[in-house]
Amino acid sequence: MPNTQDARFRNLGELEQAIMEFVWSKGPSSAEACREALAPRRILKDSTVRTVLRRLERKGFLTHTLNGRTYIYGAVEPRQNVAVRAVRHIIDRFCGGSVEQLLTGMVDNRVLGRKELELLERKIAQSKERKG
């Protein structure tokens, strides 16, 4: 049975992703600030941006506060936490829950190179030192 909490972290559309990237990089923002930031790449109506922001809030990515009459949207979680949950979903869905299977596939397909593997090795050693 699928975990409904994980379901909210799936299926970010291209525009949703662009807005999340902006909010993660700039911090809490109004709809107008999001629209202006995206303007060089896309011309969007104010209503479109507001709709996407509300959708992201319903999905659990954003929350808002009021500044006068203006909604200010902020990320619920840092980008890294969302990324970790997305990877966990991939591992569960495509690798039968096996992190080893995912990492082996990444090495076999040259997604991870020597530099990344050495970094992982150091992180694992540091983790063992803290626990040991």
N, C-alpha and C. Protein backbone atom coordinates (compact mmCIF):
# COMPACT_ATOMS: atom_id res chain seq x y z
N MET A 1 0.85 -1.18 0.00
CA MET A 1 0.00 0.00 0.00
C MET A 1 0.88 1.24 0.00
N PRO A 2 0.65 2.20 -0.89
CA PRO A 2 1.51 3.37 -0.98
C PRO A 2 1.38 4.27 0.24
N ASN A 3 2.46 4.89 0.60
CA ASN A 3 2.49 5.82 1.71
C ASN A 3 1.99 7.16 1.19
N THR A 4 0.88 7.67 1.76
CA THR A 4 0.30 8.90 1.25
C THR A 4 1.21 10.10 1.49
N GLN A 5 2.03 10.08 2.53
CA GLN A 5 2.95 11.18 2.76
C GLN A 5 3.96 11.27 1.61
N ASP A 6 4.46 10.13 1.14
CA ASP A 6 5.41 10.14 0.04
C ASP A 6 4.75 10.59 -1.26
N ALA A 7 3.44 10.37 -1.39
CA ALA A 7 2.74 10.74 -2.62
C ALA A 7 2.83 12.23 -2.88
N ARG A 8 2.91 13.04 -1.83
CA ARG A 8 2.96 14.49 -2.04
C ARG A 8 4.27 14.93 -2.65
N PHE A 9 5.31 14.09 -2.59
CA PHE A 9 6.61 14.48 -3.11
C PHE A 9 6.84 13.99 -4.53
N ARG A 10 5.83 13.39 -5.11
CA ARG A 10 5.93 12.93 -6.49
C ARG A 10 5.34 13.98 -7.43
N ASN A 11 5.69 13.85 -8.67
CA ASN A 11 5.01 14.57 -9.75
C ASN A 11 5.05 16.09 -9.64
N LEU A 12 6.22 16.63 -9.45
CA LEU A 12 6.35 18.08 -9.55
C LEU A 12 6.44 18.41 -11.04
N GLY A 13 5.54 19.24 -11.50
CA GLY A 13 5.60 19.67 -12.88
C GLY A 13 6.77 20.63 -13.08
N GLU A 14 7.04 20.94 -14.33
CA GLU A 14 8.17 21.81 -14.66
C GLU A 14 8.03 23.20 -14.02
N LEU A 15 6.84 23.78 -14.09
CA LEU A 15 6.62 25.10 -13.49
C LEU A 15 6.66 25.01 -11.96
N GLU A 16 6.09 23.96 -11.40
CA GLU A 16 6.16 23.77 -9.95
C GLU A 16 7.61 23.67 -9.49
N GLN A 17 8.41 22.92 -10.23
CA GLN A 17 9.82 22.76 -9.89
C GLN A 17 10.55 24.10 -9.96
N ALA A 18 10.27 24.89 -11.00
CA ALA A 18 10.92 26.19 -11.16
C ALA A 18 10.57 27.11 -9.99
N ILE A 19 9.32 27.09 -9.57
CA ILE A 19 8.91 27.92 -8.43
C ILE A 19 9.57 27.44 -7.15
N MET A 20 9.62 26.12 -6.95
CA MET A 20 10.27 25.60 -5.74
C MET A 20 11.75 25.97 -5.73
N GLU A 21 12.42 25.88 -6.87
CA GLU A 21 13.83 26.26 -6.94
C GLU A 21 14.02 27.71 -6.53
N PHE A 22 13.11 28.58 -6.99
CA PHE A 22 13.20 29.99 -6.63
C PHE A 22 13.01 30.18 -5.13
N VAL A 23 11.97 29.57 -4.56
CA VAL A 23 11.70 29.73 -3.13
C VAL A 23 12.83 29.15 -2.30
N TRP A 24 13.37 27.99 -2.70
CA TRP A 24 14.49 27.42 -1.95
C TRP A 24 15.71 28.33 -2.01
N SER A 25 15.96 28.94 -3.14
CA SER A 25 17.17 29.77 -3.26
C SER A 25 16.99 31.16 -2.67
N LYS A 26 15.82 31.75 -2.76
CA LYS A 26 15.61 33.13 -2.31
C LYS A 26 14.91 33.25 -0.96
N GLY A 27 14.29 32.15 -0.50
CA GLY A 27 13.56 32.23 0.75
C GLY A 27 12.11 32.63 0.52
N PRO A 28 11.38 32.89 1.61
CA PRO A 28 9.96 33.22 1.49
C PRO A 28 9.72 34.35 0.49
N SER A 29 8.71 34.14 -0.37
CA SER A 29 8.49 35.05 -1.49
C SER A 29 7.01 35.20 -1.79
N SER A 30 6.67 36.34 -2.36
CA SER A 30 5.30 36.58 -2.81
C SER A 30 5.12 35.98 -4.20
N ALA A 31 3.85 35.91 -4.61
CA ALA A 31 3.55 35.43 -5.97
C ALA A 31 4.18 36.36 -7.00
N GLU A 32 4.15 37.66 -6.73
CA GLU A 32 4.72 38.63 -7.66
C GLU A 32 6.23 38.41 -7.81
N ALA A 33 6.93 38.17 -6.71
CA ALA A 33 8.38 37.93 -6.77
C ALA A 33 8.67 36.66 -7.58
N CYS A 34 7.86 35.63 -7.41
CA CYS A 34 8.04 34.39 -8.18
C CYS A 34 7.82 34.66 -9.66
N ARG A 35 6.76 35.38 -9.99
CA ARG A 35 6.44 35.67 -11.39
C ARG A 35 7.57 36.48 -12.03
N GLU A 36 8.06 37.49 -11.33
CA GLU A 36 9.14 38.32 -11.87
C GLU A 36 10.42 37.51 -12.07
N ALA A 37 10.71 36.60 -11.13
CA ALA A 37 11.92 35.79 -11.24
C ALA A 37 11.85 34.85 -12.45
N LEU A 38 10.66 34.37 -12.75
CA LEU A 38 10.50 33.43 -13.87
C LEU A 38 10.33 34.15 -15.21
N ALA A 39 10.06 35.45 -15.18
CA ALA A 39 9.76 36.22 -16.39
C ALA A 39 10.82 36.13 -17.49
N PRO A 40 12.12 36.11 -17.17
CA PRO A 40 13.08 36.02 -18.27
C PRO A 40 12.94 34.73 -19.11
N ARG A 41 12.44 33.68 -18.48
CA ARG A 41 12.29 32.41 -19.20
C ARG A 41 10.86 32.15 -19.65
N ARG A 42 9.88 32.69 -18.91
CA ARG A 42 8.47 32.44 -19.21
C ARG A 42 7.64 33.67 -18.87
N ILE A 43 6.70 33.95 -19.72
CA ILE A 43 5.74 35.01 -19.44
C ILE A 43 4.53 34.31 -18.83
N LEU A 44 4.24 34.65 -17.57
CA LEU A 44 3.15 34.00 -16.85
C LEU A 44 2.17 35.05 -16.33
N LYS A 45 0.91 34.70 -16.34
CA LYS A 45 -0.10 35.55 -15.73
C LYS A 45 0.02 35.41 -14.21
N ASP A 46 -0.34 36.48 -13.53
CA ASP A 46 -0.32 36.47 -12.07
C ASP A 46 -1.20 35.34 -11.53
N SER A 47 -2.37 35.14 -12.15
CA SER A 47 -3.29 34.10 -11.68
C SER A 47 -2.68 32.70 -11.83
N THR A 48 -1.88 32.50 -12.86
CA THR A 48 -1.23 31.20 -13.06
C THR A 48 -0.25 30.92 -11.93
N VAL A 49 0.56 31.90 -11.59
CA VAL A 49 1.54 31.73 -10.52
C VAL A 49 0.83 31.48 -9.20
N ARG A 50 -0.22 32.21 -8.92
CA ARG A 50 -0.97 32.02 -7.67
C ARG A 50 -1.57 30.61 -7.60
N THR A 51 -2.09 30.14 -8.72
CA THR A 51 -2.66 28.78 -8.76
C THR A 51 -1.59 27.74 -8.47
N VAL A 52 -0.43 27.88 -9.07
CA VAL A 52 0.67 26.93 -8.85
C VAL A 52 1.13 26.98 -7.40
N LEU A 53 1.23 28.18 -6.83
CA LEU A 53 1.63 28.30 -5.43
C LEU A 53 0.62 27.61 -4.51
N ARG A 54 -0.67 27.80 -4.76
CA ARG A 54 -1.70 27.12 -3.94
C ARG A 54 -1.60 25.61 -4.10
N ARG A 55 -1.34 25.16 -5.33
CA ARG A 55 -1.20 23.71 -5.58
C ARG A 55 0.00 23.16 -4.80
N LEU A 56 1.11 23.88 -4.81
CA LEU A 56 2.30 23.44 -4.06
C LEU A 56 2.03 23.43 -2.56
N GLU A 57 1.21 24.36 -2.10
CA GLU A 57 0.84 24.37 -0.69
C GLU A 57 -0.03 23.15 -0.35
N ARG A 58 -1.00 22.83 -1.22
CA ARG A 58 -1.84 21.65 -1.00
C ARG A 58 -1.01 20.37 -1.00
N LYS A 59 0.01 20.31 -1.84
CA LYS A 59 0.88 19.13 -1.92
C LYS A 59 1.84 19.04 -0.74
N GLY A 60 1.92 20.09 0.06
CA GLY A 60 2.77 20.04 1.24
C GLY A 60 4.18 20.58 1.06
N PHE A 61 4.45 21.22 -0.06
CA PHE A 61 5.78 21.78 -0.31
C PHE A 61 5.93 23.17 0.27
N LEU A 62 4.85 23.95 0.26
CA LEU A 62 4.89 25.33 0.70
C LEU A 62 3.89 25.58 1.81
N THR A 63 4.13 26.64 2.54
CA THR A 63 3.16 27.16 3.50
C THR A 63 3.17 28.68 3.30
N HIS A 64 2.16 29.35 3.81
CA HIS A 64 2.15 30.81 3.63
C HIS A 64 1.86 31.53 4.94
N THR A 65 2.31 32.77 4.97
CA THR A 65 1.96 33.71 6.02
C THR A 65 1.40 34.94 5.33
N LEU A 66 0.75 35.79 6.10
CA LEU A 66 0.20 37.02 5.55
C LEU A 66 1.07 38.20 5.95
N ASN A 67 1.40 39.02 4.98
CA ASN A 67 2.09 40.29 5.21
C ASN A 67 1.15 41.36 4.68
N GLY A 68 0.32 41.91 5.57
CA GLY A 68 -0.77 42.79 5.11
C GLY A 68 -1.79 41.94 4.39
N ARG A 69 -1.98 42.22 3.10
CA ARG A 69 -2.89 41.42 2.28
C ARG A 69 -2.14 40.48 1.34
N THR A 70 -0.82 40.43 1.47
CA THR A 70 0.01 39.64 0.56
C THR A 70 0.39 38.31 1.18
N TYR A 71 0.17 37.23 0.43
CA TYR A 71 0.62 35.91 0.87
C TYR A 71 2.12 35.81 0.60
N ILE A 72 2.85 35.38 1.61
CA ILE A 72 4.27 35.12 1.47
C ILE A 72 4.46 33.62 1.62
N TYR A 73 4.98 32.99 0.58
CA TYR A 73 5.12 31.53 0.55
C TYR A 73 6.55 31.14 0.91
N GLY A 74 6.65 30.12 1.78
CA GLY A 74 7.96 29.59 2.15
C GLY A 74 7.96 28.08 2.06
N ALA A 75 9.12 27.52 1.85
CA ALA A 75 9.26 26.07 1.74
C ALA A 75 9.02 25.43 3.11
N VAL A 76 8.31 24.32 3.10
CA VAL A 76 8.06 23.57 4.33
C VAL A 76 9.34 22.89 4.79
N GLU A 77 10.10 22.37 3.83
CA GLU A 77 11.34 21.67 4.14
C GLU A 77 12.45 22.13 3.21
N PRO A 78 13.70 22.01 3.65
CA PRO A 78 14.82 22.34 2.76
C PRO A 78 14.85 21.40 1.55
N ARG A 79 15.44 21.89 0.49
CA ARG A 79 15.57 21.13 -0.75
C ARG A 79 16.16 19.74 -0.51
N GLN A 80 17.21 19.66 0.31
CA GLN A 80 17.88 18.38 0.55
C GLN A 80 16.94 17.34 1.16
N ASN A 81 16.08 17.74 2.08
CA ASN A 81 15.14 16.80 2.68
C ASN A 81 14.16 16.25 1.64
N VAL A 82 13.70 17.12 0.76
CA VAL A 82 12.77 16.69 -0.30
C VAL A 82 13.49 15.75 -1.26
N ALA A 83 14.74 16.08 -1.58
CA ALA A 83 15.52 15.23 -2.48
C ALA A 83 15.74 13.84 -1.88
N VAL A 84 16.05 13.80 -0.60
CA VAL A 84 16.26 12.51 0.06
C VAL A 84 14.99 11.67 0.00
N ARG A 85 13.86 12.30 0.25
CA ARG A 85 12.60 11.56 0.20
C ARG A 85 12.30 11.06 -1.21
N ALA A 86 12.63 11.87 -2.21
CA ALA A 86 12.41 11.46 -3.60
C ALA A 86 13.30 10.27 -3.96
N VAL A 87 14.55 10.30 -3.51
CA VAL A 87 15.46 9.17 -3.77
C VAL A 87 14.96 7.92 -3.05
N ARG A 88 14.49 8.09 -1.82
CA ARG A 88 13.94 6.94 -1.07
C ARG A 88 12.79 6.32 -1.85
N HIS A 89 11.96 7.16 -2.46
CA HIS A 89 10.85 6.67 -3.26
C HIS A 89 11.36 5.87 -4.46
N ILE A 90 12.39 6.38 -5.12
CA ILE A 90 12.99 5.67 -6.26
C ILE A 90 13.55 4.33 -5.82
N ILE A 91 14.25 4.33 -4.70
CA ILE A 91 14.83 3.08 -4.19
C ILE A 91 13.73 2.07 -3.91
N ASP A 92 12.68 2.50 -3.25
CA ASP A 92 11.58 1.58 -2.93
C ASP A 92 10.87 1.09 -4.19
N ARG A 93 10.65 1.99 -5.13
CA ARG A 93 9.87 1.65 -6.32
C ARG A 93 10.64 0.83 -7.35
N PHE A 94 11.91 1.18 -7.59
CA PHE A 94 12.64 0.56 -8.68
C PHE A 94 13.73 -0.42 -8.23
N CYS A 95 14.11 -0.35 -6.96
CA CYS A 95 15.22 -1.19 -6.50
C CYS A 95 14.80 -2.10 -5.36
N GLY A 96 13.51 -2.30 -5.19
CA GLY A 96 13.03 -3.19 -4.14
C GLY A 96 13.50 -2.79 -2.75
N GLY A 97 13.73 -1.51 -2.54
CA GLY A 97 14.16 -1.02 -1.23
C GLY A 97 15.65 -1.14 -0.98
N SER A 98 16.41 -1.59 -1.97
CA SER A 98 17.85 -1.84 -1.79
C SER A 98 18.68 -0.63 -2.21
N VAL A 99 19.29 0.04 -1.23
CA VAL A 99 20.21 1.14 -1.51
C VAL A 99 21.41 0.60 -2.28
N GLU A 100 21.86 -0.59 -1.88
CA GLU A 100 23.01 -1.21 -2.56
C GLU A 100 22.74 -1.38 -4.05
N GLN A 101 21.53 -1.84 -4.39
CA GLN A 101 21.19 -2.03 -5.81
C GLN A 101 21.23 -0.70 -6.57
N LEU A 102 20.72 0.36 -5.94
CA LEU A 102 20.77 1.67 -6.58
C LEU A 102 22.21 2.13 -6.79
N LEU A 103 23.02 2.05 -5.74
CA LEU A 103 24.41 2.51 -5.84
C LEU A 103 25.22 1.68 -6.83
N THR A 104 25.01 0.38 -6.83
CA THR A 104 25.70 -0.48 -7.79
C THR A 104 25.33 -0.09 -9.21
N GLY A 105 24.05 0.15 -9.44
CA GLY A 105 23.60 0.58 -10.76
C GLY A 105 24.21 1.92 -11.15
N MET A 106 24.35 2.83 -10.17
CA MET A 106 24.94 4.13 -10.47
C MET A 106 26.42 4.01 -10.80
N VAL A 107 27.12 3.09 -10.14
CA VAL A 107 28.53 2.87 -10.46
C VAL A 107 28.65 2.20 -11.83
N ASP A 108 27.84 1.15 -12.05
CA ASP A 108 27.90 0.42 -13.32
C ASP A 108 27.58 1.33 -14.52
N ASN A 109 26.72 2.31 -14.32
CA ASN A 109 26.33 3.21 -15.40
C ASN A 109 27.08 4.53 -15.38
N ARG A 110 28.16 4.54 -14.63
CA ARG A 110 29.08 5.69 -14.55
C ARG A 110 28.40 6.99 -14.11
N VAL A 111 27.37 6.87 -13.26
CA VAL A 111 26.75 8.05 -12.67
C VAL A 111 27.63 8.54 -11.52
N LEU A 112 28.19 7.59 -10.78
CA LEU A 112 29.14 7.89 -9.71
C LEU A 112 30.54 7.55 -10.19
N GLY A 113 31.42 8.50 -10.07
CA GLY A 113 32.81 8.28 -10.45
C GLY A 113 33.69 8.09 -9.22
N ARG A 114 34.96 7.99 -9.46
CA ARG A 114 35.93 7.76 -8.38
C ARG A 114 35.83 8.84 -7.29
N LYS A 115 35.73 10.10 -7.71
CA LYS A 115 35.69 11.21 -6.75
C LYS A 115 34.48 11.08 -5.81
N GLU A 116 33.31 10.79 -6.38
CA GLU A 116 32.10 10.64 -5.56
C GLU A 116 32.20 9.43 -4.64
N LEU A 117 32.77 8.34 -5.15
CA LEU A 117 32.93 7.14 -4.33
C LEU A 117 33.89 7.38 -3.17
N GLU A 118 34.95 8.11 -3.41
CA GLU A 118 35.90 8.43 -2.34
C GLU A 118 35.24 9.32 -1.29
N LEU A 119 34.41 10.25 -1.72
CA LEU A 119 33.68 11.10 -0.79
C LEU A 119 32.73 10.26 0.06
N LEU A 120 32.02 9.35 -0.57
CA LEU A 120 31.12 8.44 0.17
C LEU A 120 31.90 7.61 1.18
N GLU A 121 33.06 7.12 0.76
CA GLU A 121 33.89 6.32 1.66
C GLU A 121 34.28 7.12 2.90
N ARG A 122 34.66 8.39 2.71
CA ARG A 122 35.02 9.25 3.85
C ARG A 122 33.81 9.49 4.75
N LYS A 123 32.66 9.75 4.15
CA LYS A 123 31.43 9.98 4.94
C LYS A 123 31.08 8.74 5.77
N ILE A 124 31.23 7.56 5.18
CA ILE A 124 30.93 6.32 5.90
C ILE A 124 31.91 6.14 7.06
N ALA A 125 33.18 6.41 6.81
CA ALA A 125 34.20 6.30 7.87
C ALA A 125 33.90 7.27 9.00
N GLN A 126 33.53 8.51 8.68
CA GLN A 126 33.20 9.50 9.70
C GLN A 126 31.99 9.05 10.50
N SER A 127 31.00 8.49 9.82
CA SER A 127 29.79 8.01 10.49
C SER A 127 30.13 6.89 11.47
N LYS A 128 31.01 5.99 11.07
CA LYS A 128 31.43 4.88 11.94
C LYS A 128 32.18 5.40 13.15
N GLU A 129 33.02 6.43 12.96
CA GLU A 129 33.77 7.02 14.06
C GLU A 129 32.84 7.63 15.10
N ARG A 130 31.80 8.31 14.64
CA ARG A 130 30.83 8.94 15.57
C ARG A 130 30.05 7.90 16.34
N LYS A 131 29.72 6.80 15.70
CA LYS A 131 28.94 5.73 16.34
C LYS A 131 29.79 4.86 17.24
N GLY A 132 31.06 4.67 16.84
CA GLY A 132 31.93 3.71 17.49
C GLY A 132 32.53 4.20 18.74
